[in-house]
Amino acid sequence: MAESFGSDPQRYDRARPRYPDAMVDRIVAGTPGPDVLDVGCGTGIAARQFQAAGARVLGVDVDARMADLARKSGIEVEVAAFEAWDPAGRAFDAVIAGQTWHWVDPVAGAAKAAQVLRPGGRLAVFWNVGQPPPELAEAFSAVYRRVMPGLPVYDRVMPALEMYSVMFTKAADGIRAVGAFSDPEQWRFEWERSYTRDEWLDQLPTFGGHSLFPPAKLEELLAGVGAAVDASGGAFTMSYTAAVVTAIRTGTA
């Protein structure tokens, strides 16, 4: 599933939400220098934001299709799984991962981050967690239950913060297991974005696994979700939490 996102990289780059500036600024401010490694950089959504904040970014991504699009926007990207990627002696002031760390082995990933971070460097992995208005969330879930029964992970369309907490815990536990970082902290940034019906239907196929649905089922799903948005006035506001798990590389080497 981790490699399914590259089936339509232009849509992914166009439709996926960015991250709040306050989150990017806090990570940059808490980093000792400008060299940033973006793990699972995808099409470069986070990388471009960190570049705009003054960082020098190198991306690593497993999907060559996503990497190609990121390069077109000026991001240098190397294609590899992070755990197997060869840093070739390079060191960084920060290792970041936006919406991707759950595809990385939490211990092996933290160990690789420790290997490439300078002492005092920051590991910051983060996710946008979205929740539509409650009545619309239930309407979306009803569509998923009807069209794709047996896939409980999608019953709520975008898992709520408490469901994502499993990812946060795994990330923090992996960092602790390596023994090369300060105790992980968790930061949260609340923000909102309004979506029209068409904007939401543009984003929906970019969610994990959706590109693997049978085309007829995906069309039925989009029709049902679109009807639910129409019934709510044709637009809605998504409440997002950008959640960060972060720690500092300790030691002198």
C-alpha atoms as a PDB file:
ATOM      1  CA  MET A   1       0.000   0.000   0.000  1.00  0.00           C
ATOM      2  CA  ALA A   2       2.910   2.344   0.708  1.00  0.00           C
ATOM      3  CA  GLU A   3       3.718   2.422  -3.010  1.00  0.00           C
ATOM      4  CA  SER A   4       0.105   2.937  -4.123  1.00  0.00           C
ATOM      5  CA  PHE A   5       0.213   6.701  -3.595  1.00  0.00           C
ATOM      6  CA  GLY A   6       2.329   7.213  -6.719  1.00  0.00           C
ATOM      7  CA  SER A   7      -0.397   5.988  -9.059  1.00  0.00           C
ATOM      8  CA  ASP A   8      -1.456   9.619  -9.612  1.00  0.00           C
ATOM      9  CA  PRO A   9       1.275  11.881  -8.212  1.00  0.00           C
ATOM     10  CA  GLN A  10      -0.141  15.047  -9.792  1.00  0.00           C
ATOM     11  CA  ARG A  11      -3.456  14.556  -8.000  1.00  0.00           C
ATOM     12  CA  TYR A  12      -1.642  13.756  -4.744  1.00  0.00           C
ATOM     13  CA  ASP A  13       0.417  16.936  -4.947  1.00  0.00           C
ATOM     14  CA  ARG A  14      -2.557  19.070  -5.944  1.00  0.00           C
ATOM     15  CA  ALA A  15      -5.105  17.759  -3.468  1.00  0.00           C
ATOM     16  CA  ARG A  16      -3.277  16.777  -0.295  1.00  0.00           C
ATOM     17  CA  PRO A  17      -3.279  19.379   2.500  1.00  0.00           C
ATOM     18  CA  ARG A  18      -0.164  21.294   3.431  1.00  0.00           C
ATOM     19  CA  TYR A  19       1.067  21.686   7.008  1.00  0.00           C
ATOM     20  CA  PRO A  20       0.489  24.713   9.230  1.00  0.00           C
ATOM     21  CA  ASP A  21       3.251  27.308   9.068  1.00  0.00           C
ATOM     22  CA  ALA A  22       3.407  27.346  12.869  1.00  0.00           C
ATOM     23  CA  MET A  23       4.450  23.681  12.869  1.00  0.00           C
ATOM     24  CA  VAL A  24       7.131  24.166  10.210  1.00  0.00           C
ATOM     25  CA  ASP A  25       8.457  27.275  11.957  1.00  0.00           C
ATOM     26  CA  ARG A  26       8.704  25.540  15.326  1.00  0.00           C
ATOM     27  CA  ILE A  27      10.598  22.572  13.886  1.00  0.00           C
ATOM     28  CA  VAL A  28      12.979  24.868  12.000  1.00  0.00           C
ATOM     29  CA  ALA A  29      13.502  27.062  15.067  1.00  0.00           C
ATOM     30  CA  GLY A  30      14.363  23.982  17.138  1.00  0.00           C
ATOM     31  CA  THR A  31      16.918  22.698  14.627  1.00  0.00           C
ATOM     32  CA  PRO A  32      20.620  23.643  14.898  1.00  0.00           C
ATOM     33  CA  GLY A  33      21.223  24.132  11.172  1.00  0.00           C
ATOM     34  CA  PRO A  34      19.627  24.224   7.729  1.00  0.00           C
ATOM     35  CA  ASP A  35      20.284  20.695   6.424  1.00  0.00           C
ATOM     36  CA  VAL A  36      17.064  18.665   6.445  1.00  0.00           C
ATOM     37  CA  LEU A  37      16.415  15.108   5.301  1.00  0.00           C
ATOM     38  CA  ASP A  38      12.771  14.481   4.362  1.00  0.00           C
ATOM     39  CA  VAL A  39      11.899  10.788   4.720  1.00  0.00           C
ATOM     40  CA  GLY A  40       9.119   9.651   2.397  1.00  0.00           C
ATOM     41  CA  CYS A  41       9.091  13.084   0.800  1.00  0.00           C
ATOM     42  CA  GLY A  42       6.527  12.051  -1.821  1.00  0.00           C
ATOM     43  CA  THR A  43       5.877  14.883  -4.253  1.00  0.00           C
ATOM     44  CA  GLY A  44       7.649  17.381  -1.994  1.00  0.00           C
ATOM     45  CA  ILE A  45       4.708  18.937  -0.166  1.00  0.00           C
ATOM     46  CA  ALA A  46       6.502  19.264   3.190  1.00  0.00           C
ATOM     47  CA  ALA A  47       9.924  19.714   1.587  1.00  0.00           C
ATOM     48  CA  ARG A  48       8.804  22.847  -0.259  1.00  0.00           C
ATOM     49  CA  GLN A  49       7.414  24.308   2.956  1.00  0.00           C
ATOM     50  CA  PHE A  50      10.690  23.663   4.771  1.00  0.00           C
ATOM     51  CA  GLN A  51      12.642  25.134   1.849  1.00  0.00           C
ATOM     52  CA  ALA A  52      10.504  28.262   2.046  1.00  0.00           C
ATOM     53  CA  ALA A  53      11.378  28.479   5.755  1.00  0.00           C
ATOM     54  CA  GLY A  54      15.088  28.522   4.920  1.00  0.00           C
ATOM     55  CA  ALA A  55      16.067  24.832   5.001  1.00  0.00           C
ATOM     56  CA  ARG A  56      18.194  22.915   2.506  1.00  0.00           C
ATOM     57  CA  VAL A  57      16.197  19.740   1.881  1.00  0.00           C
ATOM     58  CA  LEU A  58      17.162  16.333   0.542  1.00  0.00           C
ATOM     59  CA  GLY A  59      14.271  13.926   0.022  1.00  0.00           C
ATOM     60  CA  VAL A  60      14.217  10.138   0.172  1.00  0.00           C
ATOM     61  CA  ASP A  61      11.234   8.246  -1.199  1.00  0.00           C
ATOM     62  CA  VAL A  62      10.533   4.651  -2.179  1.00  0.00           C
ATOM     63  CA  ASP A  63       8.399   5.647  -5.184  1.00  0.00           C
ATOM     64  CA  ALA A  64      10.211   6.905  -8.285  1.00  0.00           C
ATOM     65  CA  ARG A  65       6.986   8.426  -9.670  1.00  0.00           C
ATOM     66  CA  MET A  66       6.534  10.643  -6.622  1.00  0.00           C
ATOM     67  CA  ALA A  67      10.238  11.504  -6.618  1.00  0.00           C
ATOM     68  CA  ASP A  68      10.122  12.597 -10.262  1.00  0.00           C
ATOM     69  CA  LEU A  69       7.360  15.096  -9.535  1.00  0.00           C
ATOM     70  CA  ALA A  70       9.189  16.420  -6.457  1.00  0.00           C
ATOM     71  CA  ARG A  71      12.298  17.023  -8.567  1.00  0.00           C
ATOM     72  CA  LYS A  72      10.254  19.126 -10.998  1.00  0.00           C
ATOM     73  CA  SER A  73       9.521  21.525  -8.139  1.00  0.00           C
ATOM     74  CA  GLY A  74      13.197  21.829  -7.244  1.00  0.00           C
ATOM     75  CA  ILE A  75      13.571  19.157  -4.559  1.00  0.00           C
ATOM     76  CA  GLU A  76      16.587  16.857  -4.738  1.00  0.00           C
ATOM     77  CA  VAL A  77      15.333  13.294  -4.148  1.00  0.00           C
ATOM     78  CA  GLU A  78      16.982   9.883  -3.898  1.00  0.00           C
ATOM     79  CA  VAL A  79      14.836   6.778  -4.460  1.00  0.00           C
ATOM     80  CA  ALA A  80      15.139   4.167  -1.719  1.00  0.00           C
ATOM     81  CA  ALA A  81      13.439   2.773   1.338  1.00  0.00           C
ATOM     82  CA  PHE A  82      14.792   4.843   4.213  1.00  0.00           C
ATOM     83  CA  GLU A  83      15.934   1.851   6.244  1.00  0.00           C
ATOM     84  CA  ALA A  84      18.088   0.691   3.287  1.00  0.00           C
ATOM     85  CA  TRP A  85      19.122   4.141   2.017  1.00  0.00           C
ATOM     86  CA  ASP A  86      22.855   4.884   1.887  1.00  0.00           C
ATOM     87  CA  PRO A  87      23.642   8.322   3.358  1.00  0.00           C
ATOM     88  CA  ALA A  88      27.182   8.115   1.929  1.00  0.00           C
ATOM     89  CA  GLY A  89      28.667   9.878   4.933  1.00  0.00           C
ATOM     90  CA  ARG A  90      26.296  12.845   4.812  1.00  0.00           C
ATOM     91  CA  ALA A  91      24.942  14.379   8.015  1.00  0.00           C
ATOM     92  CA  PHE A  92      21.853  16.477   8.693  1.00  0.00           C
ATOM     93  CA  ASP A  93      20.500  18.908  11.260  1.00  0.00           C
ATOM     94  CA  ALA A  94      16.977  17.514  11.071  1.00  0.00           C
ATOM     95  CA  VAL A  95      15.231  14.399   9.850  1.00  0.00           C
ATOM     96  CA  ILE A  96      11.551  14.957   9.118  1.00  0.00           C
ATOM     97  CA  ALA A  97       8.747  12.721   7.876  1.00  0.00           C
ATOM     98  CA  GLY A  98       5.309  14.011   6.938  1.00  0.00           C
ATOM     99  CA  GLN A  99       2.475  11.489   6.808  1.00  0.00           C
ATOM    100  CA  THR A 100       4.957   8.644   6.177  1.00  0.00           C
ATOM    101  CA  TRP A 101       6.662   7.400   9.353  1.00  0.00           C
ATOM    102  CA  HIS A 102       4.044   4.655   9.829  1.00  0.00           C
ATOM    103  CA  TRP A 103       5.457   3.057   6.653  1.00  0.00           C
ATOM    104  CA  VAL A 104       8.942   2.991   8.224  1.00  0.00           C
ATOM    105  CA  ASP A 105      10.064   0.390  10.755  1.00  0.00           C
ATOM    106  CA  PRO A 106       9.921   2.483  13.962  1.00  0.00           C
ATOM    107  CA  VAL A 107      13.160   1.148  15.463  1.00  0.00           C
ATOM    108  CA  ALA A 108      15.204   0.753  12.258  1.00  0.00           C
ATOM    109  CA  GLY A 109      13.998   4.160  11.105  1.00  0.00           C
ATOM    110  CA  ALA A 110      14.954   5.854  14.361  1.00  0.00           C
ATOM    111  CA  ALA A 111      18.339   4.117  14.252  1.00  0.00           C
ATOM    112  CA  LYS A 112      18.972   5.375  10.710  1.00  0.00           C
ATOM    113  CA  ALA A 113      17.892   8.869  11.766  1.00  0.00           C
ATOM    114  CA  ALA A 114      20.347   8.731  14.669  1.00  0.00           C
ATOM    115  CA  GLN A 115      23.073   7.659  12.239  1.00  0.00           C
ATOM    116  CA  VAL A 116      22.607  10.652   9.937  1.00  0.00           C
ATOM    117  CA  LEU A 117      21.781  13.360  12.488  1.00  0.00           C
ATOM    118  CA  ARG A 118      24.438  15.622  13.885  1.00  0.00           C
ATOM    119  CA  PRO A 119      24.527  15.809  17.713  1.00  0.00           C
ATOM    120  CA  GLY A 120      21.760  18.185  18.750  1.00  0.00           C
ATOM    121  CA  GLY A 121      19.863  17.509  15.535  1.00  0.00           C
ATOM    122  CA  ARG A 122      16.124  16.962  15.580  1.00  0.00           C
ATOM    123  CA  LEU A 123      13.974  14.039  14.481  1.00  0.00           C
ATOM    124  CA  ALA A 124      10.427  15.281  13.809  1.00  0.00           C
ATOM    125  CA  VAL A 125       7.752  13.001  12.367  1.00  0.00           C
ATOM    126  CA  PHE A 126       4.292  14.421  11.842  1.00  0.00           C
ATOM    127  CA  TRP A 127       0.811  13.746  10.559  1.00  0.00           C
ATOM    128  CA  ASN A 128      -2.203  15.809   9.554  1.00  0.00           C
ATOM    129  CA  VAL A 129      -5.226  14.268  11.272  1.00  0.00           C
ATOM    130  CA  GLY A 130      -8.520  15.509   9.866  1.00  0.00           C
ATOM    131  CA  GLN A 131     -12.039  15.281  11.207  1.00  0.00           C
ATOM    132  CA  PRO A 132     -15.082  16.513   9.260  1.00  0.00           C
ATOM    133  CA  PRO A 133     -18.157  17.835  11.093  1.00  0.00           C
ATOM    134  CA  PRO A 134     -19.770  14.972  13.072  1.00  0.00           C
ATOM    135  CA  GLU A 135     -22.922  14.694  10.971  1.00  0.00           C
ATOM    136  CA  LEU A 136     -20.905  14.613   7.759  1.00  0.00           C
ATOM    137  CA  ALA A 137     -18.422  12.120   9.225  1.00  0.00           C
ATOM    138  CA  GLU A 138     -21.315   9.747   9.906  1.00  0.00           C
ATOM    139  CA  ALA A 139     -22.714  10.262   6.406  1.00  0.00           C
ATOM    140  CA  PHE A 140     -19.281   9.479   4.912  1.00  0.00           C
ATOM    141  CA  SER A 141     -18.970   6.382   7.076  1.00  0.00           C
ATOM    142  CA  ALA A 142     -22.361   5.155   5.927  1.00  0.00           C
ATOM    143  CA  VAL A 143     -21.178   5.399   2.318  1.00  0.00           C
ATOM    144  CA  TYR A 144     -18.047   3.362   3.088  1.00  0.00           C
ATOM    145  CA  ARG A 145     -20.034   0.721   4.950  1.00  0.00           C
ATOM    146  CA  ARG A 146     -22.388   0.376   1.990  1.00  0.00           C
ATOM    147  CA  VAL A 147     -19.832   0.434  -0.822  1.00  0.00           C
ATOM    148  CA  MET A 148     -16.810  -1.216   0.808  1.00  0.00           C
ATOM    149  CA  PRO A 149     -18.087  -3.412   3.657  1.00  0.00           C
ATOM    150  CA  GLY A 150     -15.435  -5.196   5.659  1.00  0.00           C
ATOM    151  CA  LEU A 151     -12.943  -2.327   5.632  1.00  0.00           C
ATOM    152  CA  PRO A 152     -13.399  -0.900   9.136  1.00  0.00           C
ATOM    153  CA  VAL A 153     -10.350   1.350   8.845  1.00  0.00           C
ATOM    154  CA  TYR A 154     -12.365   3.495   6.443  1.00  0.00           C
ATOM    155  CA  ASP A 155     -15.600   3.490   8.396  1.00  0.00           C
ATOM    156  CA  ARG A 156     -14.839   7.018   9.591  1.00  0.00           C
ATOM    157  CA  VAL A 157     -13.147   8.094   6.349  1.00  0.00           C
ATOM    158  CA  MET A 158     -10.361   9.967   8.127  1.00  0.00           C
ATOM    159  CA  PRO A 159      -9.410   8.288  11.396  1.00  0.00           C
ATOM    160  CA  ALA A 160      -9.777  10.533  14.410  1.00  0.00           C
ATOM    161  CA  LEU A 161      -6.892  11.658  16.580  1.00  0.00           C
ATOM    162  CA  GLU A 162      -7.344   8.853  19.089  1.00  0.00           C
ATOM    163  CA  MET A 163      -6.934   6.289  16.300  1.00  0.00           C
ATOM    164  CA  TYR A 164      -3.760   7.961  15.099  1.00  0.00           C
ATOM    165  CA  SER A 165      -2.416   7.828  18.659  1.00  0.00           C
ATOM    166  CA  VAL A 166      -1.299   4.246  17.958  1.00  0.00           C
ATOM    167  CA  MET A 167       1.085   5.629  15.314  1.00  0.00           C
ATOM    168  CA  PHE A 168       2.346   8.285  17.711  1.00  0.00           C
ATOM    169  CA  THR A 169       3.035   5.683  20.387  1.00  0.00           C
ATOM    170  CA  LYS A 170       4.891   3.392  17.972  1.00  0.00           C
ATOM    171  CA  ALA A 171       7.015   6.298  16.771  1.00  0.00           C
ATOM    172  CA  ALA A 172       7.901   7.367  20.307  1.00  0.00           C
ATOM    173  CA  ASP A 173       8.625   3.805  21.421  1.00  0.00           C
ATOM    174  CA  GLY A 174      10.916   3.286  18.431  1.00  0.00           C
ATOM    175  CA  ILE A 175      12.833   6.463  19.241  1.00  0.00           C
ATOM    176  CA  ARG A 176      13.248   5.413  22.880  1.00  0.00           C
ATOM    177  CA  ALA A 177      14.393   1.924  21.887  1.00  0.00           C
ATOM    178  CA  VAL A 178      17.377   3.308  19.977  1.00  0.00           C
ATOM    179  CA  GLY A 179      18.776   5.058  23.048  1.00  0.00           C
ATOM    180  CA  ALA A 180      20.277   7.906  21.044  1.00  0.00           C
ATOM    181  CA  PHE A 181      17.627  10.583  21.577  1.00  0.00           C
ATOM    182  CA  SER A 182      16.089  12.725  24.257  1.00  0.00           C
ATOM    183  CA  ASP A 183      12.710  11.539  25.501  1.00  0.00           C
ATOM    184  CA  PRO A 184      10.213  12.183  22.682  1.00  0.00           C
ATOM    185  CA  GLU A 185       7.807  15.082  22.915  1.00  0.00           C
ATOM    186  CA  GLN A 186       4.465  15.484  21.188  1.00  0.00           C
ATOM    187  CA  TRP A 187       3.387  18.814  19.728  1.00  0.00           C
ATOM    188  CA  ARG A 188      -0.036  19.614  18.304  1.00  0.00           C
ATOM    189  CA  PHE A 189      -1.178  22.397  16.010  1.00  0.00           C
ATOM    190  CA  GLU A 190      -4.883  22.958  15.322  1.00  0.00           C
ATOM    191  CA  TRP A 191      -5.973  24.370  11.987  1.00  0.00           C
ATOM    192  CA  GLU A 192      -8.888  24.275   9.541  1.00  0.00           C
ATOM    193  CA  ARG A 193      -9.459  24.051   5.821  1.00  0.00           C
ATOM    194  CA  SER A 194     -12.677  24.491   3.861  1.00  0.00           C
ATOM    195  CA  TYR A 195     -13.467  22.103   1.005  1.00  0.00           C
ATOM    196  CA  THR A 196     -15.934  22.316  -1.821  1.00  0.00           C
ATOM    197  CA  ARG A 197     -17.493  19.077  -3.007  1.00  0.00           C
ATOM    198  CA  ASP A 198     -15.123  18.881  -5.976  1.00  0.00           C
ATOM    199  CA  GLU A 199     -12.036  19.638  -3.891  1.00  0.00           C
ATOM    200  CA  TRP A 200     -12.882  16.842  -1.472  1.00  0.00           C
ATOM    201  CA  LEU A 201     -13.586  14.349  -4.256  1.00  0.00           C
ATOM    202  CA  ASP A 202     -10.234  15.290  -5.804  1.00  0.00           C
ATOM    203  CA  GLN A 203      -8.430  14.404  -2.574  1.00  0.00           C
ATOM    204  CA  LEU A 204     -10.342  11.264  -1.644  1.00  0.00           C
ATOM    205  CA  PRO A 205      -8.650   8.883  -4.141  1.00  0.00           C
ATOM    206  CA  THR A 206      -5.242   9.830  -2.665  1.00  0.00           C
ATOM    207  CA  PHE A 207      -6.013   8.178   0.681  1.00  0.00           C
ATOM    208  CA  GLY A 208      -4.156   4.991   1.516  1.00  0.00           C
ATOM    209  CA  GLY A 209      -5.380   2.029  -0.514  1.00  0.00           C
ATOM    210  CA  HIS A 210      -8.052   3.903  -2.435  1.00  0.00           C
ATOM    211  CA  SER A 211      -6.182   3.606  -5.718  1.00  0.00           C
ATOM    212  CA  LEU A 212      -6.346  -0.172  -5.239  1.00  0.00           C
ATOM    213  CA  PHE A 213     -10.151  -0.250  -5.045  1.00  0.00           C
ATOM    214  CA  PRO A 214     -11.936  -1.675  -8.113  1.00  0.00           C
ATOM    215  CA  PRO A 215     -12.667   1.302 -10.397  1.00  0.00           C
ATOM    216  CA  ALA A 216     -16.427   0.767 -10.261  1.00  0.00           C
ATOM    217  CA  LYS A 217     -16.351   0.691  -6.454  1.00  0.00           C
ATOM    218  CA  LEU A 218     -14.254   3.854  -6.308  1.00  0.00           C
ATOM    219  CA  GLU A 219     -16.725   5.621  -8.612  1.00  0.00           C
ATOM    220  CA  GLU A 220     -19.632   4.464  -6.439  1.00  0.00           C
ATOM    221  CA  LEU A 221     -17.787   5.682  -3.360  1.00  0.00           C
ATOM    222  CA  LEU A 222     -17.087   9.092  -4.883  1.00  0.00           C
ATOM    223  CA  ALA A 223     -20.723   9.450  -5.965  1.00  0.00           C
ATOM    224  CA  GLY A 224     -21.965   8.630  -2.470  1.00  0.00           C
ATOM    225  CA  VAL A 225     -19.526  10.961  -0.724  1.00  0.00           C
ATOM    226  CA  GLY A 226     -20.284  13.717  -3.220  1.00  0.00           C
ATOM    227  CA  ALA A 227     -24.011  13.349  -2.545  1.00  0.00           C
ATOM    228  CA  ALA A 228     -23.343  13.612   1.196  1.00  0.00           C
ATOM    229  CA  VAL A 229     -21.424  16.868   0.712  1.00  0.00           C
ATOM    230  CA  ASP A 230     -24.191  18.189  -1.557  1.00  0.00           C
ATOM    231  CA  ALA A 231     -26.732  17.411   1.153  1.00  0.00           C
ATOM    232  CA  SER A 232     -24.651  19.510   3.577  1.00  0.00           C
ATOM    233  CA  GLY A 233     -24.677  22.535   1.318  1.00  0.00           C
ATOM    234  CA  GLY A 234     -21.938  21.629  -1.145  1.00  0.00           C
ATOM    235  CA  ALA A 235     -18.992  22.472   1.097  1.00  0.00           C
ATOM    236  CA  PHE A 236     -17.648  21.846   4.597  1.00  0.00           C
ATOM    237  CA  THR A 237     -14.826  22.778   6.942  1.00  0.00           C
ATOM    238  CA  MET A 238     -12.349  20.101   8.007  1.00  0.00           C
ATOM    239  CA  SER A 239     -10.796  20.422  11.453  1.00  0.00           C
ATOM    240  CA  TYR A 240      -7.158  19.343  11.334  1.00  0.00           C
ATOM    241  CA  THR A 241      -4.601  18.580  14.006  1.00  0.00           C
ATOM    242  CA  ALA A 242      -0.982  18.492  12.879  1.00  0.00           C
ATOM    243  CA  ALA A 243       0.601  16.134  15.419  1.00  0.00           C
ATOM    244  CA  VAL A 244       4.382  15.943  15.789  1.00  0.00           C
ATOM    245  CA  VAL A 245       6.494  13.345  17.584  1.00  0.00           C
ATOM    246  CA  THR A 246       9.963  14.798  18.051  1.00  0.00           C
ATOM    247  CA  ALA A 247      13.246  14.205  19.875  1.00  0.00           C
ATOM    248  CA  ILE A 248      16.816  15.542  19.909  1.00  0.00           C
ATOM    249  CA  ARG A 249      19.861  13.483  18.929  1.00  0.00           C
ATOM    250  CA  THR A 250      22.004  13.183  22.023  1.00  0.00           C
ATOM    251  CA  GLY A 251      25.706  12.356  22.385  1.00  0.00           C
ATOM    252  CA  THR A 252      28.744  13.729  20.615  1.00  0.00           C
ATOM    253  CA  ALA A 253      29.040  11.321  17.662  1.00  0.00           C
END
